Amino acid sequence: MLNTKITDLFGLKYPIFQGGMAWVATAELAAAVSNAGGLGIIGAGNAPASFVREQIQKARTLTDKP
């Protein structure tokens, strides 16, 4: 574990932020990064709100991490 202001602020194991790549950074990728100790980010880009909501709900089932 690496302690920095960022890891303390977000409760992370590592100060790694996944890029929010539209249509690539889905719930599965974001959850995998979060479960590994980084900060997973769902890429919303120009996605419809319904898709983003679906991805957020899916991510919540795949991880309890930030």
C-alpha atoms as a PDB file:
ATOM      1  CA  MET A   1       0.000   0.000   0.000  1.00  0.00           C
ATOM      2  CA  LEU A   2       1.248   3.459  -0.927  1.00  0.00           C
ATOM      3  CA  ASN A   3       0.032   6.354   1.220  1.00  0.00           C
ATOM      4  CA  THR A   4      -0.447   9.750  -0.403  1.00  0.00           C
ATOM      5  CA  LYS A   5      -2.975  12.542   0.073  1.00  0.00           C
ATOM      6  CA  ILE A   6      -4.942  11.058  -2.841  1.00  0.00           C
ATOM      7  CA  THR A   7      -5.020   7.516  -1.423  1.00  0.00           C
ATOM      8  CA  ASP A   8      -6.100   8.869   1.956  1.00  0.00           C
ATOM      9  CA  LEU A   9      -8.763  11.130   0.425  1.00  0.00           C
ATOM     10  CA  PHE A  10     -10.376   8.386  -1.674  1.00  0.00           C
ATOM     11  CA  GLY A  11      -9.511   5.354   0.485  1.00  0.00           C
ATOM     12  CA  LEU A  12      -7.388   3.752  -2.245  1.00  0.00           C
ATOM     13  CA  LYS A  13      -4.602   1.208  -2.021  1.00  0.00           C
ATOM     14  CA  TYR A  14      -2.694   2.794  -4.925  1.00  0.00           C
ATOM     15  CA  PRO A  15      -2.760   6.349  -6.371  1.00  0.00           C
ATOM     16  CA  ILE A  16      -3.973   5.097  -9.748  1.00  0.00           C
ATOM     17  CA  PHE A  17      -6.948   6.620 -11.584  1.00  0.00           C
ATOM     18  CA  GLN A  18      -8.380   4.765 -14.562  1.00  0.00           C
ATOM     19  CA  GLY A  19      -9.098   7.003 -17.545  1.00  0.00           C
ATOM     20  CA  GLY A  20     -12.764   7.486 -18.413  1.00  0.00           C
ATOM     21  CA  MET A  21     -12.587   6.294 -22.029  1.00  0.00           C
ATOM     22  CA  ALA A  22     -15.995   6.557 -23.693  1.00  0.00           C
ATOM     23  CA  TRP A  23     -17.524   3.174 -24.635  1.00  0.00           C
ATOM     24  CA  VAL A  24     -14.424   1.337 -23.317  1.00  0.00           C
ATOM     25  CA  ALA A  25     -14.430   2.210 -19.618  1.00  0.00           C
ATOM     26  CA  THR A  26     -17.472   0.160 -18.692  1.00  0.00           C
ATOM     27  CA  ALA A  27     -18.638  -1.087 -15.301  1.00  0.00           C
ATOM     28  CA  GLU A  28     -16.513  -4.215 -15.626  1.00  0.00           C
ATOM     29  CA  LEU A  29     -13.271  -2.298 -16.208  1.00  0.00           C
ATOM     30  CA  ALA A  30     -14.038   0.314 -13.557  1.00  0.00           C
ATOM     31  CA  ALA A  31     -14.859  -2.391 -11.002  1.00  0.00           C
ATOM     32  CA  ALA A  32     -11.711  -4.360 -11.838  1.00  0.00           C
ATOM     33  CA  VAL A  33      -9.539  -1.269 -11.307  1.00  0.00           C
ATOM     34  CA  SER A  34     -11.335  -0.429  -8.067  1.00  0.00           C
ATOM     35  CA  ASN A  35     -11.068  -4.003  -6.792  1.00  0.00           C
ATOM     36  CA  ALA A  36      -7.331  -3.926  -7.544  1.00  0.00           C
ATOM     37  CA  GLY A  37      -6.882  -0.824  -5.363  1.00  0.00           C
ATOM     38  CA  GLY A  38      -7.133   2.067  -7.837  1.00  0.00           C
ATOM     39  CA  LEU A  39     -10.012   4.375  -8.702  1.00  0.00           C
ATOM     40  CA  GLY A  40     -12.225   2.988 -11.445  1.00  0.00           C
ATOM     41  CA  ILE A  41     -14.060   5.465 -13.657  1.00  0.00           C
ATOM     42  CA  ILE A  42     -16.982   4.771 -15.975  1.00  0.00           C
ATOM     43  CA  GLY A  43     -16.618   6.649 -19.253  1.00  0.00           C
ATOM     44  CA  ALA A  44     -19.866   8.473 -19.923  1.00  0.00           C
ATOM     45  CA  GLY A  45     -18.802  10.645 -22.854  1.00  0.00           C
ATOM     46  CA  ASN A  46     -21.765  11.032 -25.184  1.00  0.00           C
ATOM     47  CA  ALA A  47     -23.500   7.895 -23.911  1.00  0.00           C
ATOM     48  CA  PRO A  48     -27.239   8.052 -23.297  1.00  0.00           C
ATOM     49  CA  ALA A  49     -28.272   8.587 -19.676  1.00  0.00           C
ATOM     50  CA  SER A  50     -29.926   5.154 -19.597  1.00  0.00           C
ATOM     51  CA  PHE A  51     -26.617   3.474 -20.510  1.00  0.00           C
ATOM     52  CA  VAL A  52     -24.742   5.418 -17.835  1.00  0.00           C
ATOM     53  CA  ARG A  53     -27.348   4.522 -15.193  1.00  0.00           C
ATOM     54  CA  GLU A  54     -27.094   0.854 -16.216  1.00  0.00           C
ATOM     55  CA  GLN A  55     -23.303   0.945 -15.930  1.00  0.00           C
ATOM     56  CA  ILE A  56     -23.424   2.583 -12.490  1.00  0.00           C
ATOM     57  CA  GLN A  57     -25.886  -0.028 -11.231  1.00  0.00           C
ATOM     58  CA  LYS A  58     -23.743  -2.829 -12.653  1.00  0.00           C
ATOM     59  CA  ALA A  59     -20.573  -1.390 -11.075  1.00  0.00           C
ATOM     60  CA  ARG A  60     -22.279  -1.299  -7.695  1.00  0.00           C
ATOM     61  CA  THR A  61     -22.914  -5.038  -7.950  1.00  0.00           C
ATOM     62  CA  LEU A  62     -19.301  -5.754  -8.955  1.00  0.00           C
ATOM     63  CA  THR A  63     -17.482  -3.729  -6.284  1.00  0.00           C
ATOM     64  CA  ASP A  64     -17.962  -1.907  -3.002  1.00  0.00           C
ATOM     65  CA  LYS A  65     -14.804   0.144  -3.568  1.00  0.00           C
ATOM     66  CA  PRO A  66     -14.575   3.757  -4.775  1.00  0.00           C
END
